[in-house]
Amino acid sequence: GPAYVERRRLEAVEAIELAAASGAVAAVAHPSTISANRAGYADLFRSLAGVGLVGIEVDHPEHDPALRAALRDICASLDLVPTGGSDYHGAGKPGVRLGVGRGDLRVPDEVLVALRARRPKAASPR
């Protein structure tokens, strides 16, 4: 719209490297919004895992069971953490609570444990 201002967007590799340098882990959220199709996910995530990607959001309210299964298989094959999200954004989404999405979506505590275990040591300050 008229108020839109273009901003610099990080490339995925740059974002992953910055996350690792700060001691954080990088996980892809909303993979269904990526322009790659399901067949292209494996190649994309393999390349990102090579630069430090730690997880992929598998469990999301908008993911059908087939997509969840495909993403879970990719995580297993690349040793990535299958993360999840309820897509909680406050009261604007009735029926969605933090950590609990619609239907069968639950994000187990083990996801946090696995992500913490993969956390890199932050780069030493100069």
N, C-alpha and C. Protein backbone atom coordinates (compact mmCIF):
# COMPACT_ATOMS: atom_id res chain seq x y z
N GLY A 1 0.81 -1.18 0.00
CA GLY A 1 0.00 0.00 0.00
C GLY A 1 0.86 1.24 0.00
N PRO A 2 0.25 2.39 0.13
CA PRO A 2 0.97 3.65 0.05
C PRO A 2 1.99 3.84 1.17
N ALA A 3 1.83 3.18 2.31
CA ALA A 3 2.76 3.34 3.43
C ALA A 3 3.88 2.29 3.42
N TYR A 4 3.88 1.40 2.43
CA TYR A 4 4.88 0.33 2.40
C TYR A 4 6.27 0.90 2.14
N VAL A 5 7.22 0.44 2.93
CA VAL A 5 8.61 0.83 2.75
C VAL A 5 9.42 -0.46 2.60
N GLU A 6 10.14 -0.56 1.50
CA GLU A 6 10.97 -1.74 1.27
C GLU A 6 12.03 -1.82 2.36
N ARG A 7 12.34 -3.05 2.78
CA ARG A 7 13.35 -3.24 3.80
C ARG A 7 14.32 -4.32 3.33
N ARG A 8 15.46 -4.30 3.93
CA ARG A 8 16.46 -5.32 3.61
C ARG A 8 16.01 -6.64 4.23
N ARG A 9 16.05 -7.69 3.46
CA ARG A 9 15.68 -9.02 3.95
C ARG A 9 16.93 -9.88 3.96
N LEU A 10 17.08 -10.62 5.04
CA LEU A 10 18.22 -11.52 5.14
C LEU A 10 18.00 -12.74 4.26
N GLU A 11 19.06 -13.21 3.66
CA GLU A 11 19.03 -14.50 2.99
C GLU A 11 19.05 -15.56 4.08
N ALA A 12 18.52 -16.73 3.79
CA ALA A 12 18.42 -17.79 4.80
C ALA A 12 19.78 -18.14 5.40
N VAL A 13 20.79 -18.25 4.58
CA VAL A 13 22.12 -18.61 5.07
C VAL A 13 22.63 -17.55 6.04
N GLU A 14 22.45 -16.29 5.70
CA GLU A 14 22.90 -15.22 6.58
C GLU A 14 22.16 -15.26 7.91
N ALA A 15 20.86 -15.51 7.88
CA ALA A 15 20.08 -15.57 9.13
C ALA A 15 20.53 -16.75 10.00
N ILE A 16 20.78 -17.89 9.38
CA ILE A 16 21.24 -19.06 10.12
C ILE A 16 22.60 -18.79 10.75
N GLU A 17 23.51 -18.19 10.01
CA GLU A 17 24.84 -17.88 10.54
C GLU A 17 24.77 -16.87 11.68
N LEU A 18 23.92 -15.86 11.55
CA LEU A 18 23.77 -14.87 12.62
C LEU A 18 23.16 -15.50 13.87
N ALA A 19 22.20 -16.38 13.69
CA ALA A 19 21.60 -17.06 14.84
C ALA A 19 22.66 -17.86 15.57
N ALA A 20 23.44 -18.65 14.84
CA ALA A 20 24.47 -19.48 15.47
C ALA A 20 25.52 -18.62 16.17
N ALA A 21 25.92 -17.52 15.54
CA ALA A 21 26.93 -16.65 16.13
C ALA A 21 26.45 -16.02 17.44
N SER A 22 25.13 -15.89 17.59
CA SER A 22 24.59 -15.30 18.81
C SER A 22 24.26 -16.34 19.87
N GLY A 23 24.46 -17.62 19.54
CA GLY A 23 24.16 -18.69 20.48
C GLY A 23 22.74 -19.22 20.35
N ALA A 24 22.05 -18.84 19.31
CA ALA A 24 20.67 -19.29 19.08
C ALA A 24 20.65 -20.45 18.09
N VAL A 25 19.51 -21.09 17.99
CA VAL A 25 19.34 -22.11 16.97
C VAL A 25 18.40 -21.58 15.90
N ALA A 26 18.59 -22.06 14.69
CA ALA A 26 17.77 -21.63 13.57
C ALA A 26 16.84 -22.76 13.16
N ALA A 27 15.57 -22.42 13.04
CA ALA A 27 14.57 -23.38 12.56
C ALA A 27 13.70 -22.66 11.54
N VAL A 28 13.33 -23.37 10.50
CA VAL A 28 12.45 -22.81 9.48
C VAL A 28 11.02 -22.86 9.99
N ALA A 29 10.37 -21.71 10.03
CA ALA A 29 8.96 -21.63 10.40
C ALA A 29 8.12 -21.55 9.13
N HIS A 30 6.93 -22.06 9.20
CA HIS A 30 5.98 -22.01 8.08
C HIS A 30 6.58 -22.48 6.76
N PRO A 31 7.15 -23.69 6.73
CA PRO A 31 7.76 -24.13 5.47
C PRO A 31 6.77 -24.22 4.32
N SER A 32 5.49 -24.32 4.62
CA SER A 32 4.50 -24.40 3.54
C SER A 32 4.40 -23.09 2.76
N THR A 33 4.99 -22.02 3.27
CA THR A 33 4.97 -20.74 2.56
C THR A 33 6.19 -20.55 1.67
N ILE A 34 7.12 -21.49 1.74
CA ILE A 34 8.32 -21.41 0.90
C ILE A 34 7.93 -21.81 -0.51
N SER A 35 8.54 -21.16 -1.48
CA SER A 35 8.13 -21.40 -2.86
C SER A 35 8.48 -22.80 -3.36
N ALA A 36 9.36 -23.50 -2.67
CA ALA A 36 9.67 -24.88 -3.10
C ALA A 36 8.44 -25.75 -2.89
N ASN A 37 8.26 -26.72 -3.75
CA ASN A 37 7.16 -27.66 -3.55
C ASN A 37 7.64 -28.76 -2.61
N ARG A 38 6.76 -29.68 -2.27
CA ARG A 38 7.14 -30.72 -1.32
C ARG A 38 8.35 -31.52 -1.78
N ALA A 39 8.45 -31.76 -3.06
CA ALA A 39 9.58 -32.51 -3.60
C ALA A 39 10.88 -31.71 -3.46
N GLY A 40 10.78 -30.40 -3.53
CA GLY A 40 11.97 -29.55 -3.43
C GLY A 40 12.43 -29.28 -2.01
N TYR A 41 11.60 -29.59 -1.03
CA TYR A 41 11.97 -29.32 0.37
C TYR A 41 13.25 -30.05 0.76
N ALA A 42 13.39 -31.31 0.41
CA ALA A 42 14.54 -32.10 0.85
C ALA A 42 15.84 -31.45 0.41
N ASP A 43 15.93 -31.03 -0.85
CA ASP A 43 17.15 -30.40 -1.35
C ASP A 43 17.40 -29.07 -0.65
N LEU A 44 16.36 -28.28 -0.50
CA LEU A 44 16.50 -26.98 0.16
C LEU A 44 16.97 -27.15 1.59
N PHE A 45 16.30 -28.02 2.34
CA PHE A 45 16.65 -28.17 3.75
C PHE A 45 18.00 -28.87 3.92
N ARG A 46 18.39 -29.72 2.99
CA ARG A 46 19.71 -30.34 3.05
C ARG A 46 20.78 -29.26 2.94
N SER A 47 20.61 -28.33 2.01
CA SER A 47 21.60 -27.26 1.85
C SER A 47 21.64 -26.36 3.07
N LEU A 48 20.49 -26.07 3.66
CA LEU A 48 20.45 -25.21 4.85
C LEU A 48 21.00 -25.93 6.07
N ALA A 49 20.79 -27.24 6.17
CA ALA A 49 21.36 -28.01 7.28
C ALA A 49 22.88 -27.96 7.21
N GLY A 50 23.41 -27.89 6.01
CA GLY A 50 24.85 -27.82 5.83
C GLY A 50 25.48 -26.54 6.36
N VAL A 51 24.67 -25.50 6.54
CA VAL A 51 25.20 -24.24 7.08
C VAL A 51 24.70 -23.98 8.50
N GLY A 52 24.03 -24.96 9.10
CA GLY A 52 23.67 -24.81 10.51
C GLY A 52 22.20 -24.82 10.85
N LEU A 53 21.31 -25.08 9.90
CA LEU A 53 19.90 -25.18 10.24
C LEU A 53 19.72 -26.30 11.25
N VAL A 54 18.89 -26.07 12.28
CA VAL A 54 18.71 -27.04 13.36
C VAL A 54 17.33 -27.70 13.30
N GLY A 55 16.31 -26.97 12.85
CA GLY A 55 14.97 -27.55 12.87
C GLY A 55 14.07 -27.04 11.77
N ILE A 56 12.96 -27.76 11.63
CA ILE A 56 11.91 -27.39 10.68
C ILE A 56 10.58 -27.47 11.42
N GLU A 57 9.74 -26.48 11.22
CA GLU A 57 8.41 -26.51 11.82
C GLU A 57 7.56 -27.55 11.10
N VAL A 58 7.38 -28.68 11.75
CA VAL A 58 6.61 -29.79 11.19
C VAL A 58 5.14 -29.66 11.60
N ASP A 59 4.93 -29.46 12.89
CA ASP A 59 3.56 -29.41 13.43
C ASP A 59 3.05 -27.99 13.45
N HIS A 60 2.13 -27.71 12.56
CA HIS A 60 1.54 -26.37 12.41
C HIS A 60 0.08 -26.57 12.03
N PRO A 61 -0.81 -25.71 12.51
CA PRO A 61 -2.24 -25.90 12.23
C PRO A 61 -2.60 -25.97 10.75
N GLU A 62 -1.81 -25.37 9.90
CA GLU A 62 -2.12 -25.36 8.47
C GLU A 62 -1.52 -26.54 7.72
N HIS A 63 -0.73 -27.38 8.39
CA HIS A 63 -0.11 -28.52 7.72
C HIS A 63 -1.03 -29.72 7.78
N ASP A 64 -1.32 -30.28 6.62
CA ASP A 64 -2.12 -31.50 6.59
C ASP A 64 -1.25 -32.68 7.01
N PRO A 65 -1.86 -33.81 7.35
CA PRO A 65 -1.09 -34.96 7.82
C PRO A 65 0.00 -35.42 6.84
N ALA A 66 -0.26 -35.34 5.55
CA ALA A 66 0.75 -35.76 4.56
C ALA A 66 1.97 -34.85 4.59
N LEU A 67 1.74 -33.53 4.71
CA LEU A 67 2.86 -32.60 4.78
C LEU A 67 3.64 -32.81 6.07
N ARG A 68 2.94 -33.00 7.18
CA ARG A 68 3.63 -33.26 8.45
C ARG A 68 4.51 -34.50 8.33
N ALA A 69 3.98 -35.55 7.74
CA ALA A 69 4.75 -36.79 7.60
C ALA A 69 5.98 -36.58 6.71
N ALA A 70 5.81 -35.85 5.61
CA ALA A 70 6.92 -35.59 4.70
C ALA A 70 8.01 -34.76 5.39
N LEU A 71 7.60 -33.74 6.12
CA LEU A 71 8.57 -32.91 6.83
C LEU A 71 9.26 -33.68 7.95
N ARG A 72 8.51 -34.53 8.64
CA ARG A 72 9.09 -35.34 9.71
C ARG A 72 10.14 -36.30 9.13
N ASP A 73 9.87 -36.87 7.96
CA ASP A 73 10.84 -37.74 7.29
C ASP A 73 12.10 -36.98 6.91
N ILE A 74 11.93 -35.76 6.42
CA ILE A 74 13.09 -34.93 6.07
C ILE A 74 13.91 -34.64 7.31
N CYS A 75 13.25 -34.30 8.41
CA CYS A 75 13.98 -34.04 9.65
C CYS A 75 14.78 -35.26 10.07
N ALA A 76 14.16 -36.43 10.02
CA ALA A 76 14.84 -37.66 10.42
C ALA A 76 16.05 -37.93 9.52
N SER A 77 15.89 -37.71 8.23
CA SER A 77 16.98 -38.01 7.30
C SER A 77 18.14 -37.03 7.41
N LEU A 78 17.87 -35.81 7.87
CA LEU A 78 18.91 -34.78 7.98
C LEU A 78 19.33 -34.50 9.42
N ASP A 79 18.82 -35.28 10.36
CA ASP A 79 19.10 -35.09 11.79
C ASP A 79 18.73 -33.68 12.25
N LEU A 80 17.54 -33.23 11.83
CA LEU A 80 17.02 -31.93 12.25
C LEU A 80 15.92 -32.16 13.28
N VAL A 81 15.67 -31.14 14.10
CA VAL A 81 14.63 -31.21 15.12
C VAL A 81 13.29 -30.85 14.48
N PRO A 82 12.29 -31.74 14.57
CA PRO A 82 10.95 -31.39 14.07
C PRO A 82 10.25 -30.52 15.10
N THR A 83 10.17 -29.24 14.82
CA THR A 83 9.57 -28.30 15.77
C THR A 83 8.08 -28.15 15.48
N GLY A 84 7.45 -27.33 16.25
CA GLY A 84 6.03 -27.09 16.04
C GLY A 84 5.64 -25.73 16.53
N GLY A 85 4.49 -25.31 16.10
CA GLY A 85 3.97 -24.03 16.54
C GLY A 85 2.47 -24.03 16.47
N SER A 86 1.88 -23.40 17.45
CA SER A 86 0.42 -23.33 17.49
C SER A 86 -0.10 -22.21 16.61
N ASP A 87 0.79 -21.34 16.14
CA ASP A 87 0.45 -20.14 15.40
C ASP A 87 -0.34 -19.19 16.27
N TYR A 88 -0.03 -19.21 17.56
CA TYR A 88 -0.69 -18.33 18.54
C TYR A 88 -0.26 -16.89 18.31
N HIS A 89 -1.24 -16.03 18.18
CA HIS A 89 -0.98 -14.60 18.00
C HIS A 89 -1.87 -13.77 18.91
N GLY A 90 -2.23 -14.31 20.06
CA GLY A 90 -3.09 -13.59 20.98
C GLY A 90 -4.56 -13.87 20.70
N ALA A 91 -5.40 -12.99 21.20
CA ALA A 91 -6.84 -13.19 21.14
C ALA A 91 -7.41 -13.15 19.72
N GLY A 92 -6.61 -12.74 18.76
CA GLY A 92 -7.09 -12.63 17.38
C GLY A 92 -7.37 -13.97 16.72
N LYS A 93 -6.95 -15.05 17.33
CA LYS A 93 -7.19 -16.38 16.76
C LYS A 93 -7.91 -17.22 17.80
N PRO A 94 -9.24 -17.16 17.83
CA PRO A 94 -9.99 -17.93 18.82
C PRO A 94 -9.72 -19.42 18.69
N GLY A 95 -9.64 -20.10 19.83
CA GLY A 95 -9.44 -21.54 19.83
C GLY A 95 -7.98 -21.96 19.73
N VAL A 96 -7.07 -21.01 19.64
CA VAL A 96 -5.65 -21.33 19.58
C VAL A 96 -4.99 -20.76 20.82
N ARG A 97 -4.37 -21.65 21.59
CA ARG A 97 -3.64 -21.22 22.78
C ARG A 97 -2.15 -21.44 22.55
N LEU A 98 -1.34 -20.77 23.32
CA LEU A 98 0.10 -20.92 23.22
C LEU A 98 0.49 -22.38 23.40
N GLY A 99 1.15 -22.97 22.41
CA GLY A 99 1.60 -24.34 22.48
C GLY A 99 0.55 -25.38 22.13
N VAL A 100 -0.68 -24.94 21.92
CA VAL A 100 -1.77 -25.87 21.58
C VAL A 100 -2.53 -25.28 20.41
N GLY A 101 -2.48 -25.95 19.31
CA GLY A 101 -3.17 -25.45 18.13
C GLY A 101 -4.53 -26.07 17.97
N ARG A 102 -5.04 -26.02 16.78
CA ARG A 102 -6.34 -26.61 16.48
C ARG A 102 -6.19 -28.12 16.32
N GLY A 103 -7.24 -28.84 16.57
CA GLY A 103 -7.23 -30.29 16.33
C GLY A 103 -6.24 -31.01 17.20
N ASP A 104 -5.40 -31.83 16.56
CA ASP A 104 -4.48 -32.68 17.30
C ASP A 104 -3.12 -32.04 17.55
N LEU A 105 -2.94 -30.79 17.20
CA LEU A 105 -1.62 -30.18 17.31
C LEU A 105 -1.23 -29.95 18.76
N ARG A 106 -0.11 -30.53 19.15
CA ARG A 106 0.49 -30.31 20.45
C ARG A 106 1.99 -30.21 20.22
N VAL A 107 2.63 -29.30 20.90
CA VAL A 107 4.07 -29.16 20.80
C VAL A 107 4.66 -29.70 22.10
N PRO A 108 5.27 -30.87 22.05
CA PRO A 108 5.77 -31.48 23.29
C PRO A 108 6.99 -30.75 23.84
N ASP A 109 7.18 -30.85 25.14
CA ASP A 109 8.32 -30.22 25.80
C ASP A 109 9.65 -30.74 25.25
N GLU A 110 9.65 -31.96 24.72
CA GLU A 110 10.87 -32.55 24.19
C GLU A 110 11.46 -31.72 23.05
N VAL A 111 10.63 -30.96 22.36
CA VAL A 111 11.13 -30.11 21.28
C VAL A 111 12.06 -29.06 21.86
N LEU A 112 11.66 -28.42 22.94
CA LEU A 112 12.51 -27.42 23.58
C LEU A 112 13.80 -28.05 24.08
N VAL A 113 13.70 -29.21 24.68
CA VAL A 113 14.89 -29.92 25.16
C VAL A 113 15.86 -30.18 24.00
N ALA A 114 15.33 -30.67 22.89
CA ALA A 114 16.17 -30.96 21.72
C ALA A 114 16.80 -29.70 21.14
N LEU A 115 16.05 -28.62 21.09
CA LEU A 115 16.60 -27.37 20.57
C LEU A 115 17.69 -26.83 21.49
N ARG A 116 17.45 -26.88 22.79
CA ARG A 116 18.48 -26.42 23.74
C ARG A 116 19.75 -27.25 23.61
N ALA A 117 19.61 -28.54 23.39
CA ALA A 117 20.78 -29.41 23.26
C ALA A 117 21.61 -29.07 22.03
N ARG A 118 21.00 -28.46 21.04
CA ARG A 118 21.70 -28.12 19.79
C ARG A 118 22.20 -26.67 19.78
N ARG A 119 21.96 -25.96 20.85
CA ARG A 119 22.34 -24.55 20.89
C ARG A 119 23.86 -24.41 20.81
N PRO A 120 24.35 -23.61 19.87
CA PRO A 120 25.81 -23.43 19.77
C PRO A 120 26.31 -22.49 20.85
N LYS A 121 27.57 -22.56 21.09
CA LYS A 121 28.17 -21.59 22.00
C LYS A 121 28.29 -20.27 21.24
N ALA A 122 27.89 -19.20 21.90
CA ALA A 122 27.96 -17.89 21.25
C ALA A 122 29.41 -17.55 20.93
N ALA A 123 29.60 -16.85 19.86
CA ALA A 123 30.94 -16.42 19.48
C ALA A 123 31.50 -15.51 20.57
N SER A 124 32.78 -15.62 20.80
CA SER A 124 33.41 -14.79 21.83
C SER A 124 33.41 -13.34 21.38
N PRO A 125 33.11 -12.43 22.34
CA PRO A 125 33.15 -11.00 21.98
C PRO A 125 34.59 -10.58 21.63
N ARG A 126 34.70 -9.65 20.74
CA ARG A 126 36.03 -9.19 20.30
C ARG A 126 36.60 -8.19 21.26
